[in-house]
C-alpha cells in the first residue's frame, strides 16, 4: 500500500512505512520469543539490525552526493529498494554462513521463518490501517493477511511438508493481494516476499530433517 501518512516526531517527519515496520518487528519478535524462546528471538533481532544498517548505509552507494552535501542525511534517509535488497542479501548470506558453520539449528531456522512471515504480514495490515486507499484493496489486504497469519501460526510447528507448503501459501497470498493493490505486481514488499519464500522453500527442501523435528 502506498504511503499517504506522515508522523511528526520532534523535528522529524516519519513516514507511516517506518512506523509499520517497527511495530511489525516488535510483534514478530514477541511472537517468536513466546514460541521459540529468547535465544531464537535474538536471531530475529540480529537479522533486523543487519537489514536496517545495510539499508541505511547503502545511501552511500545510491546517493553519495547527498552524503557529501549533508552527512546527517544518512540518519534521515536510506538506500531505497536497492539498499533494502542489499540488506536482505546480507541477512541471507549471514544465515547461510551460520548454517554452514553448524551454529544455526532447526529451531533457529524455523524461528527465522516465523519472524520473516509475521513481519511482512503485520506490516501489510498496518500499512492499510495507517494510510488512505481504495476500500476494496484495504479490505482484501487485511482479511487475507489476517486469515493467513492465523493459519500460519496454527500450523507453523507441524512436521513434514508443512514448512514448504506454508512458504508457498505465503507467496501465493501476497501475489493475490497484489492484484487489488494500487502498485500491482511492481512493488518492493511483494518481491521481498517472493525472494524470502523461495529461500525458505529451497532450504527446507535441502534440509529434510529440519522439516521433521525441532531441536
Protein backbone atom coordinates (compact mmCIF):
# COMPACT_ATOMS: atom_id res chain seq x y z
CA UNK A 1 0.00 0.00 0.00
CA UNK A 2 1.33 3.50 -0.83
CA UNK A 3 2.43 5.88 1.93
CA UNK A 4 -0.08 8.71 2.41
CA UNK A 5 0.51 9.50 6.08
CA UNK A 6 3.49 11.02 7.87
CA UNK A 7 4.01 11.36 11.61
CA UNK A 8 5.90 14.22 13.25
CA UNK A 9 8.33 13.14 15.95
CA UNK A 10 10.17 16.21 17.22
CA UNK A 11 11.54 17.92 14.13
CA UNK A 12 11.49 14.71 12.12
CA UNK A 13 8.74 13.72 9.69
CA UNK A 14 8.45 9.93 9.75
CA UNK A 15 6.58 8.04 7.00
CA UNK A 16 3.96 5.53 8.06
CA UNK A 17 6.00 2.76 6.46
CA UNK A 18 8.70 3.16 9.11
CA UNK A 19 6.14 3.07 11.92
CA UNK A 20 4.56 -0.03 10.38
CA UNK A 21 7.95 -1.73 10.01
CA UNK A 22 8.98 -1.06 13.61
CA UNK A 23 5.67 -2.28 15.04
CA UNK A 24 5.77 -5.34 12.75
CA UNK A 25 9.23 -6.21 14.05
CA UNK A 26 8.12 -5.85 17.69
CA UNK A 27 5.12 -8.11 17.09
CA UNK A 28 7.20 -10.71 15.22
CA UNK A 29 9.96 -10.64 17.84
CA UNK A 30 7.43 -11.08 20.66
CA UNK A 31 5.69 -13.97 18.87
CA UNK A 32 8.97 -15.76 18.14
CA UNK A 33 10.16 -15.28 21.71
CA UNK A 34 6.87 -16.69 23.02
CA UNK A 35 7.06 -19.79 20.83
CA UNK A 36 10.80 -20.43 20.38
CA UNK A 37 12.41 -18.71 23.38
CA UNK A 38 14.70 -15.73 23.94
CA UNK A 39 17.76 -17.22 22.24
CA UNK A 40 15.97 -17.79 18.94
CA UNK A 41 14.18 -14.45 19.18
CA UNK A 42 17.61 -12.82 19.19
CA UNK A 43 18.12 -14.22 15.69
CA UNK A 44 15.20 -12.04 14.56
CA UNK A 45 16.73 -9.04 16.30
CA UNK A 46 20.09 -9.62 14.63
CA UNK A 47 18.51 -10.05 11.19
CA UNK A 48 16.51 -6.84 11.58
CA UNK A 49 19.60 -4.96 12.78
CA UNK A 50 21.73 -6.02 9.81
CA UNK A 51 18.91 -5.29 7.38
CA UNK A 52 18.37 -1.75 8.67
CA UNK A 53 22.08 -0.93 8.96
CA UNK A 54 22.84 -2.03 5.40
CA UNK A 55 19.68 -0.31 4.15
CA UNK A 56 20.80 2.94 5.77
CA UNK A 57 24.46 2.75 4.78
CA UNK A 58 23.57 1.83 1.21
CA UNK A 59 22.69 5.50 0.74
CA UNK A 60 26.44 5.94 0.26
CA UNK A 61 26.15 3.85 -2.90
CA UNK A 62 22.80 5.08 -4.18
CA UNK A 63 23.12 8.81 -3.44
CA UNK A 64 26.68 9.64 -2.43
CA UNK A 65 26.15 13.27 -3.41
CA UNK A 66 23.60 13.74 -0.65
CA UNK A 67 26.07 12.37 1.89
CA UNK A 68 28.72 14.82 0.73
CA UNK A 69 26.31 17.75 0.96
CA UNK A 70 24.87 16.67 4.30
CA UNK A 71 26.47 13.77 6.21
CA UNK A 72 23.45 13.64 8.53
CA UNK A 73 21.31 12.61 5.57
CA UNK A 74 22.25 9.02 6.34
CA UNK A 75 20.21 9.29 9.55
CA UNK A 76 17.05 10.51 7.85
CA UNK A 77 17.21 8.64 4.54
CA UNK A 78 18.03 5.16 3.22
CA UNK A 79 19.14 3.49 0.01
CA UNK A 80 15.64 2.80 -1.30
CA UNK A 81 14.70 -0.51 -2.88
CA UNK A 82 18.30 -1.22 -3.92
CA UNK A 83 19.51 -0.71 -0.37
CA UNK A 84 16.73 -2.84 1.05
CA UNK A 85 17.56 -5.80 -1.17
CA UNK A 86 21.26 -5.39 -0.39
CA UNK A 87 20.31 -5.64 3.28
CA UNK A 88 18.20 -8.69 2.58
CA UNK A 89 21.12 -10.26 0.71
CA UNK A 90 23.41 -9.65 3.68
CA UNK A 91 20.91 -11.28 6.04
CA UNK A 92 20.54 -14.32 3.76
CA UNK A 93 24.32 -14.57 3.46
CA UNK A 94 24.70 -14.47 7.24
CA UNK A 95 22.05 -17.16 7.68
CA UNK A 96 23.77 -19.43 5.15
CA UNK A 97 27.13 -18.82 6.85
CA UNK A 98 25.71 -19.75 10.25
CA UNK A 99 24.19 -22.89 8.72
CA UNK A 100 27.49 -23.86 7.15
CA UNK A 101 29.29 -23.43 10.48
CA UNK A 102 26.65 -25.53 12.23
CA UNK A 103 25.62 -22.71 14.53
CA UNK A 104 22.07 -22.43 13.17
CA UNK A 105 19.85 -25.38 14.05
CA UNK A 106 16.33 -26.43 13.04
CA UNK A 107 14.52 -24.48 15.74
CA UNK A 108 16.52 -21.34 14.96
CA UNK A 109 15.73 -21.55 11.26
CA UNK A 110 12.04 -22.10 11.96
CA UNK A 111 12.15 -19.08 14.24
CA UNK A 112 13.60 -17.01 11.39
CA UNK A 113 10.92 -18.33 9.06
CA UNK A 114 8.18 -17.41 11.51
CA UNK A 115 9.67 -13.98 12.14
CA UNK A 116 10.06 -13.17 8.45
CA UNK A 117 6.47 -14.15 7.67
CA UNK A 118 4.99 -12.27 10.62
CA UNK A 119 6.95 -9.10 9.89
CA UNK A 120 5.59 -8.99 6.35
CA UNK A 121 2.03 -9.92 7.34
CA UNK A 122 1.79 -7.37 10.16
CA UNK A 123 3.50 -4.72 8.04
CA UNK A 124 0.97 -5.17 5.24
CA UNK A 125 -2.00 -4.87 7.58
CA UNK A 126 -0.58 -1.82 9.35
CA UNK A 127 0.06 -0.07 6.04
CA UNK A 128 -3.67 -0.39 5.39
CA UNK A 129 -4.59 0.96 8.82
CA UNK A 130 -2.12 3.85 8.74
CA UNK A 131 -2.71 5.06 5.18
CA UNK A 132 -5.58 6.04 2.93
CA UNK A 133 -6.51 3.91 -0.06
CA UNK A 134 -9.22 2.16 -2.01
CA UNK A 135 -11.60 0.38 0.33
CA UNK A 136 -11.63 -2.86 -1.68
CA UNK A 137 -7.84 -3.09 -1.66
CA UNK A 138 -7.74 -2.37 2.06
CA UNK A 139 -10.40 -4.91 2.98
CA UNK A 140 -8.90 -7.67 0.83
CA UNK A 141 -5.41 -6.98 2.19
CA UNK A 142 -6.45 -7.11 5.84
CA UNK A 143 -8.76 -10.13 5.53
CA UNK A 144 -6.35 -12.29 3.54
CA UNK A 145 -3.23 -11.47 5.53
CA UNK A 146 -5.04 -11.76 8.88
CA UNK A 147 -6.50 -15.12 7.86
CA UNK A 148 -3.12 -16.33 6.69
CA UNK A 149 -1.48 -15.15 9.93
CA UNK A 150 -3.88 -17.30 11.96
CA UNK A 151 -3.45 -20.26 9.60
CA UNK A 152 0.33 -19.91 9.68
CA UNK A 153 0.52 -19.66 13.46
CA UNK A 154 -1.65 -22.73 13.92
CA UNK A 155 0.43 -24.86 11.55
CA UNK A 156 3.98 -23.48 11.68
CA UNK A 157 5.15 -26.11 14.17
CA UNK A 158 3.91 -29.07 12.14
CA UNK A 159 6.36 -31.50 10.57
CA UNK A 160 6.72 -32.98 7.11
CA UNK A 161 5.98 -30.77 4.14
CA UNK A 162 4.14 -28.15 6.16
CA UNK A 163 7.01 -25.61 6.25
CA UNK A 164 7.33 -25.75 2.46
CA UNK A 165 3.59 -25.52 1.95
CA UNK A 166 3.34 -22.54 4.30
CA UNK A 167 6.09 -20.72 2.41
CA UNK A 168 4.29 -21.36 -0.88
CA UNK A 169 0.95 -20.18 0.52
CA UNK A 170 2.70 -17.11 1.92
CA UNK A 171 3.86 -16.16 -1.57
CA UNK A 172 0.51 -17.02 -3.15
CA UNK A 173 -1.45 -14.87 -0.70
CA UNK A 174 0.76 -11.85 -1.33
CA UNK A 175 0.58 -12.30 -5.10
CA UNK A 176 -3.22 -12.48 -4.93
CA UNK A 177 -3.43 -9.41 -2.68
CA UNK A 178 -1.20 -7.50 -5.10
CA UNK A 179 -3.85 -7.85 -7.81
CA UNK A 180 -6.06 -5.39 -5.92
CA UNK A 181 -3.34 -3.10 -4.56
CA UNK A 182 -2.51 0.18 -6.39
CA UNK A 183 1.09 -0.78 -7.19
CA UNK A 184 0.09 -4.17 -8.56
CA UNK A 185 2.94 -6.63 -9.00
CA UNK A 186 5.63 -3.94 -9.24
CA UNK A 187 6.33 -3.33 -5.57
CA UNK A 188 9.22 -3.94 -3.20
CA UNK A 189 7.22 -5.81 -0.50
CA UNK A 190 5.92 -8.38 -2.99
CA UNK A 191 9.37 -9.03 -4.42
CA UNK A 192 10.70 -9.36 -0.88
CA UNK A 193 8.02 -11.94 -0.10
CA UNK A 194 8.83 -13.93 -3.24
CA UNK A 195 12.56 -13.91 -2.53
CA UNK A 196 12.13 -14.84 1.13
CA UNK A 197 9.57 -17.50 0.30
CA UNK A 198 11.81 -19.12 -2.30
CA UNK A 199 14.76 -19.01 0.08
CA UNK A 200 12.86 -20.83 2.81
CA UNK A 201 11.41 -23.35 0.34
CA UNK A 202 14.87 -24.19 -1.02
CA UNK A 203 16.43 -24.57 2.43
CA UNK A 204 13.57 -26.71 3.77
CA UNK A 205 13.79 -28.91 0.68
CA UNK A 206 17.53 -29.36 1.22
CA UNK A 207 17.25 -29.84 4.98
CA UNK A 208 14.60 -32.53 5.22
CA UNK A 209 15.45 -33.28 8.85
CA UNK A 210 14.64 -29.66 9.72
CA UNK A 211 11.11 -30.23 8.43
CA UNK A 212 10.59 -33.24 10.65
CA UNK A 213 11.76 -32.11 14.06
CA UNK A 214 12.56 -29.18 16.26
CA UNK A 215 15.66 -29.38 18.35
